[in-house]
Amino acid sequence: MLVKLWGLSWQSQTKAVIGMLEDANVRFDFVDVEDADSPRMEQIIALTGEKELPQLFVEGVAYIGKQEIRRYLGA
């Protein structure tokens, strides 16, 4: 799968982005970061240098935060 969403499953921004992606019929894999001190959070920071969640990766391009993801979707 070429689209991956990284976020916190309990976070409202992540839930909103999941809804936006589903409404746009975008197929994606979700990676739950679990908490701010997890190894997955360290991975996402290593990839983008950013702590803001959620982060969407589309074919190697990162969209960070709800606003950037919304712009990517054209919403």
PDB file of N, CA and C in Angstrom:
ATOM      1  N   MET A   1       0.851  -1.172   0.000  1.00  0.00           N
ATOM      2  CA  MET A   1       0.000   0.000   0.000  1.00  0.00           C
ATOM      3  C   MET A   1       0.900   1.240   0.000  1.00  0.00           C
ATOM      4  N   LEU A   2       0.580   2.192  -0.831  1.00  0.00           N
ATOM      5  CA  LEU A   2       1.406   3.380  -0.984  1.00  0.00           C
ATOM      6  C   LEU A   2       1.010   4.526  -0.076  1.00  0.00           C
ATOM      7  N   VAL A   3      -0.132   4.419   0.617  1.00  0.00           N
ATOM      8  CA  VAL A   3      -0.609   5.496   1.486  1.00  0.00           C
ATOM      9  C   VAL A   3      -0.623   4.985   2.923  1.00  0.00           C
ATOM     10  N   LYS A   4       0.090   5.696   3.803  1.00  0.00           N
ATOM     11  CA  LYS A   4       0.128   5.322   5.220  1.00  0.00           C
ATOM     12  C   LYS A   4      -0.181   6.540   6.062  1.00  0.00           C
ATOM     13  N   LEU A   5      -1.058   6.351   7.033  1.00  0.00           N
ATOM     14  CA  LEU A   5      -1.401   7.391   7.989  1.00  0.00           C
ATOM     15  C   LEU A   5      -0.841   6.996   9.343  1.00  0.00           C
ATOM     16  N   TRP A   6      -0.032   7.880   9.914  1.00  0.00           N
ATOM     17  CA  TRP A   6       0.529   7.681  11.246  1.00  0.00           C
ATOM     18  C   TRP A   6      -0.183   8.639  12.191  1.00  0.00           C
ATOM     19  N   GLY A   7      -0.639   8.125  13.311  1.00  0.00           N
ATOM     20  CA  GLY A   7      -1.303   8.992  14.275  1.00  0.00           C
ATOM     21  C   GLY A   7      -1.609   8.261  15.558  1.00  0.00           C
ATOM     22  N   LEU A   8      -2.294   8.963  16.434  1.00  0.00           N
ATOM     23  CA  LEU A   8      -2.750   8.402  17.706  1.00  0.00           C
ATOM     24  C   LEU A   8      -4.223   8.046  17.550  1.00  0.00           C
ATOM     25  N   SER A   9      -4.572   6.790  17.749  1.00  0.00           N
ATOM     26  CA  SER A   9      -5.935   6.329  17.482  1.00  0.00           C
ATOM     27  C   SER A   9      -6.984   7.062  18.305  1.00  0.00           C
ATOM     28  N   TRP A  10      -6.608   7.569  19.461  1.00  0.00           N
ATOM     29  CA  TRP A  10      -7.557   8.253  20.339  1.00  0.00           C
ATOM     30  C   TRP A  10      -7.648   9.760  20.073  1.00  0.00           C
ATOM     31  N   GLN A  11      -6.764  10.295  19.264  1.00  0.00           N
ATOM     32  CA  GLN A  11      -6.683  11.744  19.047  1.00  0.00           C
ATOM     33  C   GLN A  11      -7.767  12.209  18.067  1.00  0.00           C
ATOM     34  N   SER A  12      -8.433  13.326  18.396  1.00  0.00           N
ATOM     35  CA  SER A  12      -9.527  13.821  17.555  1.00  0.00           C
ATOM     36  C   SER A  12      -9.065  14.189  16.150  1.00  0.00           C
ATOM     37  N   GLN A  13      -7.856  14.751  16.014  1.00  0.00           N
ATOM     38  CA  GLN A  13      -7.355  15.106  14.687  1.00  0.00           C
ATOM     39  C   GLN A  13      -7.154  13.856  13.830  1.00  0.00           C
ATOM     40  N   THR A  14      -6.642  12.810  14.434  1.00  0.00           N
ATOM     41  CA  THR A  14      -6.444  11.556  13.704  1.00  0.00           C
ATOM     42  C   THR A  14      -7.783  10.974  13.283  1.00  0.00           C
ATOM     43  N   LYS A  15      -8.756  10.972  14.180  1.00  0.00           N
ATOM     44  CA  LYS A  15     -10.089  10.462  13.843  1.00  0.00           C
ATOM     45  C   LYS A  15     -10.711  11.258  12.707  1.00  0.00           C
ATOM     46  N   ALA A  16     -10.531  12.577  12.732  1.00  0.00           N
ATOM     47  CA  ALA A  16     -11.080  13.426  11.668  1.00  0.00           C
ATOM     48  C   ALA A  16     -10.425  13.115  10.322  1.00  0.00           C
ATOM     49  N   VAL A  17      -9.111  12.924  10.316  1.00  0.00           N
ATOM     50  CA  VAL A  17      -8.399  12.616   9.075  1.00  0.00           C
ATOM     51  C   VAL A  17      -8.805  11.237   8.550  1.00  0.00           C
ATOM     52  N   ILE A  18      -8.969  10.270   9.423  1.00  0.00           N
ATOM     53  CA  ILE A  18      -9.444   8.954   8.996  1.00  0.00           C
ATOM     54  C   ILE A  18     -10.787   9.105   8.294  1.00  0.00           C
ATOM     55  N   GLY A  19     -11.677   9.899   8.864  1.00  0.00           N
ATOM     56  CA  GLY A  19     -12.971  10.146   8.245  1.00  0.00           C
ATOM     57  C   GLY A  19     -12.842  10.812   6.883  1.00  0.00           C
ATOM     58  N   MET A  20     -11.947  11.800   6.773  1.00  0.00           N
ATOM     59  CA  MET A  20     -11.737  12.487   5.490  1.00  0.00           C
ATOM     60  C   MET A  20     -11.222  11.514   4.434  1.00  0.00           C
ATOM     61  N   LEU A  21     -10.256  10.666   4.808  1.00  0.00           N
ATOM     62  CA  LEU A  21      -9.705   9.704   3.864  1.00  0.00           C
ATOM     63  C   LEU A  21     -10.767   8.698   3.421  1.00  0.00           C
ATOM     64  N   GLU A  22     -11.569   8.223   4.364  1.00  0.00           N
ATOM     65  CA  GLU A  22     -12.634   7.280   4.025  1.00  0.00           C
ATOM     66  C   GLU A  22     -13.672   7.931   3.120  1.00  0.00           C
ATOM     67  N   ASP A  23     -14.049   9.173   3.422  1.00  0.00           N
ATOM     68  CA  ASP A  23     -15.019   9.894   2.586  1.00  0.00           C
ATOM     69  C   ASP A  23     -14.499  10.096   1.167  1.00  0.00           C
ATOM     70  N   ALA A  24     -13.175  10.261   1.030  1.00  0.00           N
ATOM     71  CA  ALA A  24     -12.558  10.462  -0.286  1.00  0.00           C
ATOM     72  C   ALA A  24     -12.219   9.129  -0.970  1.00  0.00           C
ATOM     73  N   ASN A  25     -12.603   8.023  -0.337  1.00  0.00           N
ATOM     74  CA  ASN A  25     -12.327   6.681  -0.871  1.00  0.00           C
ATOM     75  C   ASN A  25     -10.835   6.428  -1.104  1.00  0.00           C
ATOM     76  N   VAL A  26     -10.013   6.941  -0.195  1.00  0.00           N
ATOM     77  CA  VAL A  26      -8.572   6.715  -0.259  1.00  0.00           C
ATOM     78  C   VAL A  26      -8.255   5.479   0.580  1.00  0.00           C
ATOM     79  N   ARG A  27      -7.644   4.496  -0.053  1.00  0.00           N
ATOM     80  CA  ARG A  27      -7.230   3.297   0.680  1.00  0.00           C
ATOM     81  C   ARG A  27      -5.906   3.598   1.369  1.00  0.00           C
ATOM     82  N   PHE A  28      -5.806   3.263   2.639  1.00  0.00           N
ATOM     83  CA  PHE A  28      -4.611   3.575   3.412  1.00  0.00           C
ATOM     84  C   PHE A  28      -4.399   2.549   4.505  1.00  0.00           C
ATOM     85  N   ASP A  29      -3.155   2.453   4.946  1.00  0.00           N
ATOM     86  CA  ASP A  29      -2.804   1.678   6.134  1.00  0.00           C
ATOM     87  C   ASP A  29      -2.658   2.659   7.277  1.00  0.00           C
ATOM     88  N   PHE A  30      -3.149   2.293   8.454  1.00  0.00           N
ATOM     89  CA  PHE A  30      -3.023   3.144   9.634  1.00  0.00           C
ATOM     90  C   PHE A  30      -1.979   2.568  10.575  1.00  0.00           C
ATOM     91  N   VAL A  31      -1.064   3.424  11.025  1.00  0.00           N
ATOM     92  CA  VAL A  31      -0.050   3.041  12.003  1.00  0.00           C
ATOM     93  C   VAL A  31      -0.331   3.828  13.278  1.00  0.00           C
ATOM     94  N   ASP A  32      -0.728   3.131  14.331  1.00  0.00           N
ATOM     95  CA  ASP A  32      -1.008   3.774  15.612  1.00  0.00           C
ATOM     96  C   ASP A  32       0.310   4.004  16.345  1.00  0.00           C
ATOM     97  N   VAL A  33       0.638   5.267  16.558  1.00  0.00           N
ATOM     98  CA  VAL A  33       1.885   5.645  17.232  1.00  0.00           C
ATOM     99  C   VAL A  33       1.844   5.247  18.707  1.00  0.00           C
ATOM    100  N   GLU A  34       0.665   5.134  19.281  1.00  0.00           N
ATOM    101  CA  GLU A  34       0.385   4.689  20.642  1.00  0.00           C
ATOM    102  C   GLU A  34       0.611   5.753  21.701  1.00  0.00           C
ATOM    103  N   ASP A  35       1.781   6.363  21.783  1.00  0.00           N
ATOM    104  CA  ASP A  35       1.983   7.492  22.698  1.00  0.00           C
ATOM    105  C   ASP A  35       3.211   8.285  22.256  1.00  0.00           C
ATOM    106  N   ALA A  36       3.397   9.425  22.877  1.00  0.00           N
ATOM    107  CA  ALA A  36       4.443  10.364  22.451  1.00  0.00           C
ATOM    108  C   ALA A  36       5.861   9.862  22.708  1.00  0.00           C
ATOM    109  N   ASP A  37       6.016   8.826  23.526  1.00  0.00           N
ATOM    110  CA  ASP A  37       7.346   8.309  23.846  1.00  0.00           C
ATOM    111  C   ASP A  37       7.620   6.938  23.228  1.00  0.00           C
ATOM    112  N   SER A  38       6.780   6.521  22.309  1.00  0.00           N
ATOM    113  CA  SER A  38       6.918   5.175  21.747  1.00  0.00           C
ATOM    114  C   SER A  38       7.996   5.119  20.666  1.00  0.00           C
ATOM    115  N   PRO A  39       8.487   3.912  20.375  1.00  0.00           N
ATOM    116  CA  PRO A  39       9.438   3.750  19.272  1.00  0.00           C
ATOM    117  C   PRO A  39       8.857   4.214  17.928  1.00  0.00           C
ATOM    118  N   ARG A  40       7.550   4.041  17.740  1.00  0.00           N
ATOM    119  CA  ARG A  40       6.926   4.494  16.492  1.00  0.00           C
ATOM    120  C   ARG A  40       6.972   6.014  16.379  1.00  0.00           C
ATOM    121  N   MET A  41       6.819   6.702  17.503  1.00  0.00           N
ATOM    122  CA  MET A  41       6.930   8.159  17.477  1.00  0.00           C
ATOM    123  C   MET A  41       8.354   8.563  17.116  1.00  0.00           C
ATOM    124  N   GLU A  42       9.327   7.841  17.627  1.00  0.00           N
ATOM    125  CA  GLU A  42      10.721   8.107  17.276  1.00  0.00           C
ATOM    126  C   GLU A  42      10.936   7.900  15.778  1.00  0.00           C
ATOM    127  N   GLN A  43      10.288   6.890  15.203  1.00  0.00           N
ATOM    128  CA  GLN A  43      10.414   6.636  13.768  1.00  0.00           C
ATOM    129  C   GLN A  43       9.849   7.795  12.953  1.00  0.00           C
ATOM    130  N   ILE A  44       8.693   8.281  13.329  1.00  0.00           N
ATOM    131  CA  ILE A  44       8.054   9.351  12.562  1.00  0.00           C
ATOM    132  C   ILE A  44       8.874  10.635  12.663  1.00  0.00           C
ATOM    133  N   ILE A  45       9.432  10.905  13.830  1.00  0.00           N
ATOM    134  CA  ILE A  45      10.284  12.094  13.996  1.00  0.00           C
ATOM    135  C   ILE A  45      11.543  11.941  13.139  1.00  0.00           C
ATOM    136  N   ALA A  46      12.099  10.728  13.077  1.00  0.00           N
ATOM    137  CA  ALA A  46      13.279  10.493  12.249  1.00  0.00           C
ATOM    138  C   ALA A  46      12.965  10.700  10.763  1.00  0.00           C
ATOM    139  N   LEU A  47      11.764  10.349  10.351  1.00  0.00           N
ATOM    140  CA  LEU A  47      11.383  10.489   8.941  1.00  0.00           C
ATOM    141  C   LEU A  47      11.143  11.939   8.529  1.00  0.00           C
ATOM    142  N   THR A  48      10.463  12.705   9.396  1.00  0.00           N
ATOM    143  CA  THR A  48      10.041  14.055   8.987  1.00  0.00           C
ATOM    144  C   THR A  48      10.634  15.173   9.831  1.00  0.00           C
ATOM    145  N   GLY A  49      11.144  14.833  11.009  1.00  0.00           N
ATOM    146  CA  GLY A  49      11.638  15.863  11.909  1.00  0.00           C
ATOM    147  C   GLY A  49      10.523  16.598  12.631  1.00  0.00           C
ATOM    148  N   GLU A  50       9.299  16.113  12.512  1.00  0.00           N
ATOM    149  CA  GLU A  50       8.125  16.767  13.109  1.00  0.00           C
ATOM    150  C   GLU A  50       7.438  15.850  14.108  1.00  0.00           C
ATOM    151  N   LYS A  51       6.910  16.454  15.186  1.00  0.00           N
ATOM    152  CA  LYS A  51       6.169  15.709  16.197  1.00  0.00           C
ATOM    153  C   LYS A  51       4.659  15.784  15.972  1.00  0.00           C
ATOM    154  N   GLU A  52       4.221  16.715  15.129  1.00  0.00           N
ATOM    155  CA  GLU A  52       2.783  16.905  14.925  1.00  0.00           C
ATOM    156  C   GLU A  52       2.164  15.671  14.274  1.00  0.00           C
ATOM    157  N   LEU A  53       1.031  15.266  14.790  1.00  0.00           N
ATOM    158  CA  LEU A  53       0.275  14.137  14.259  1.00  0.00           C
ATOM    159  C   LEU A  53      -1.124  14.610  13.897  1.00  0.00           C
ATOM    160  N   PRO A  54      -1.757  13.968  12.979  1.00  0.00           N
ATOM    161  CA  PRO A  54      -1.337  12.825  12.186  1.00  0.00           C
ATOM    162  C   PRO A  54      -0.411  13.239  11.045  1.00  0.00           C
ATOM    163  N   GLN A  55       0.261  12.228  10.483  1.00  0.00           N
ATOM    164  CA  GLN A  55       1.110  12.434   9.318  1.00  0.00           C
ATOM    165  C   GLN A  55       0.733  11.397   8.268  1.00  0.00           C
ATOM    166  N   LEU A  56       0.543  11.887   7.048  1.00  0.00           N
ATOM    167  CA  LEU A  56       0.157  11.030   5.934  1.00  0.00           C
ATOM    168  C   LEU A  56       1.321  10.937   4.961  1.00  0.00           C
ATOM    169  N   PHE A  57       1.650   9.717   4.554  1.00  0.00           N
ATOM    170  CA  PHE A  57       2.707   9.497   3.571  1.00  0.00           C
ATOM    171  C   PHE A  57       2.077   8.917   2.319  1.00  0.00           C
ATOM    172  N   VAL A  58       2.302   9.617   1.206  1.00  0.00           N
ATOM    173  CA  VAL A  58       1.782   9.179  -0.080  1.00  0.00           C
ATOM    174  C   VAL A  58       2.958   9.072  -1.038  1.00  0.00           C
ATOM    175  N   GLU A  59       3.312   7.844  -1.400  1.00  0.00           N
ATOM    176  CA  GLU A  59       4.421   7.589  -2.314  1.00  0.00           C
ATOM    177  C   GLU A  59       5.684   8.347  -1.906  1.00  0.00           C
ATOM    178  N   GLY A  60       5.978   8.337  -0.601  1.00  0.00           N
ATOM    179  CA  GLY A  60       7.197   8.949  -0.087  1.00  0.00           C
ATOM    180  C   GLY A  60       7.102  10.421   0.258  1.00  0.00           C
ATOM    181  N   VAL A  61       5.961  11.055  -0.016  1.00  0.00           N
ATOM    182  CA  VAL A  61       5.765  12.466   0.307  1.00  0.00           C
ATOM    183  C   VAL A  61       4.967  12.561   1.602  1.00  0.00           C
ATOM    184  N   ALA A  62       5.441  13.390   2.541  1.00  0.00           N
ATOM    185  CA  ALA A  62       4.784  13.531   3.846  1.00  0.00           C
ATOM    186  C   ALA A  62       3.872  14.751   3.862  1.00  0.00           C
ATOM    187  N   TYR A  63       2.678  14.549   4.401  1.00  0.00           N
ATOM    188  CA  TYR A  63       1.724  15.627   4.659  1.00  0.00           C
ATOM    189  C   TYR A  63       1.508  15.630   6.165  1.00  0.00           C
ATOM    190  N   ILE A  64       1.887  16.724   6.807  1.00  0.00           N
ATOM    191  CA  ILE A  64       1.936  16.757   8.264  1.00  0.00           C
ATOM    192  C   ILE A  64       0.809  17.608   8.810  1.00  0.00           C
ATOM    193  N   GLY A  65      -0.025  16.991   9.645  1.00  0.00           N
ATOM    194  CA  GLY A  65      -1.119  17.695  10.286  1.00  0.00           C
ATOM    195  C   GLY A  65      -2.395  17.678   9.460  1.00  0.00           C
ATOM    196  N   LYS A  66      -3.479  17.914  10.141  1.00  0.00           N
ATOM    197  CA  LYS A  66      -4.810  17.856   9.531  1.00  0.00           C
ATOM    198  C   LYS A  66      -4.958  18.834   8.364  1.00  0.00           C
ATOM    199  N   GLN A  67      -4.427  20.045   8.486  1.00  0.00           N
ATOM    200  CA  GLN A  67      -4.578  21.049   7.431  1.00  0.00           C
ATOM    201  C   GLN A  67      -3.865  20.631   6.143  1.00  0.00           C
ATOM    202  N   GLU A  68      -2.635  20.151   6.251  1.00  0.00           N
ATOM    203  CA  GLU A  68      -1.907  19.711   5.052  1.00  0.00           C
ATOM    204  C   GLU A  68      -2.587  18.518   4.407  1.00  0.00           C
ATOM    205  N   ILE A  69      -3.089  17.609   5.217  1.00  0.00           N
ATOM    206  CA  ILE A  69      -3.773  16.434   4.684  1.00  0.00           C
ATOM    207  C   ILE A  69      -5.060  16.867   3.987  1.00  0.00           C
ATOM    208  N   ARG A  70      -5.765  17.813   4.560  1.00  0.00           N
ATOM    209  CA  ARG A  70      -6.981  18.340   3.934  1.00  0.00           C
ATOM    210  C   ARG A  70      -6.642  18.950   2.571  1.00  0.00           C
ATOM    211  N   ARG A  71      -5.557  19.735   2.510  1.00  0.00           N
ATOM    212  CA  ARG A  71      -5.140  20.334   1.234  1.00  0.00           C
ATOM    213  C   ARG A  71      -4.786  19.252   0.214  1.00  0.00           C
ATOM    214  N   TYR A  72      -4.103  18.201   0.658  1.00  0.00           N
ATOM    215  CA  TYR A  72      -3.763  17.085  -0.237  1.00  0.00           C
ATOM    216  C   TYR A  72      -5.034  16.476  -0.843  1.00  0.00           C
ATOM    217  N   LEU A  73      -6.064  16.322  -0.022  1.00  0.00           N
ATOM    218  CA  LEU A  73      -7.304  15.718  -0.483  1.00  0.00           C
ATOM    219  C   LEU A  73      -8.132  16.686  -1.330  1.00  0.00           C
ATOM    220  N   GLY A  74      -7.764  17.949  -1.295  1.00  0.00           N
ATOM    221  CA  GLY A  74      -8.519  18.931  -2.062  1.00  0.00           C
ATOM    222  C   GLY A  74      -9.838  19.299  -1.422  1.00  0.00           C
ATOM    223  N   ALA A  75      -9.923  19.076  -0.121  1.00  0.00           N
ATOM    224  CA  ALA A  75     -11.186  19.355   0.591  1.00  0.00           C
ATOM    225  C   ALA A  75     -11.277  20.815   0.998  1.00  0.00           C
TER     226      ALA A  75
END
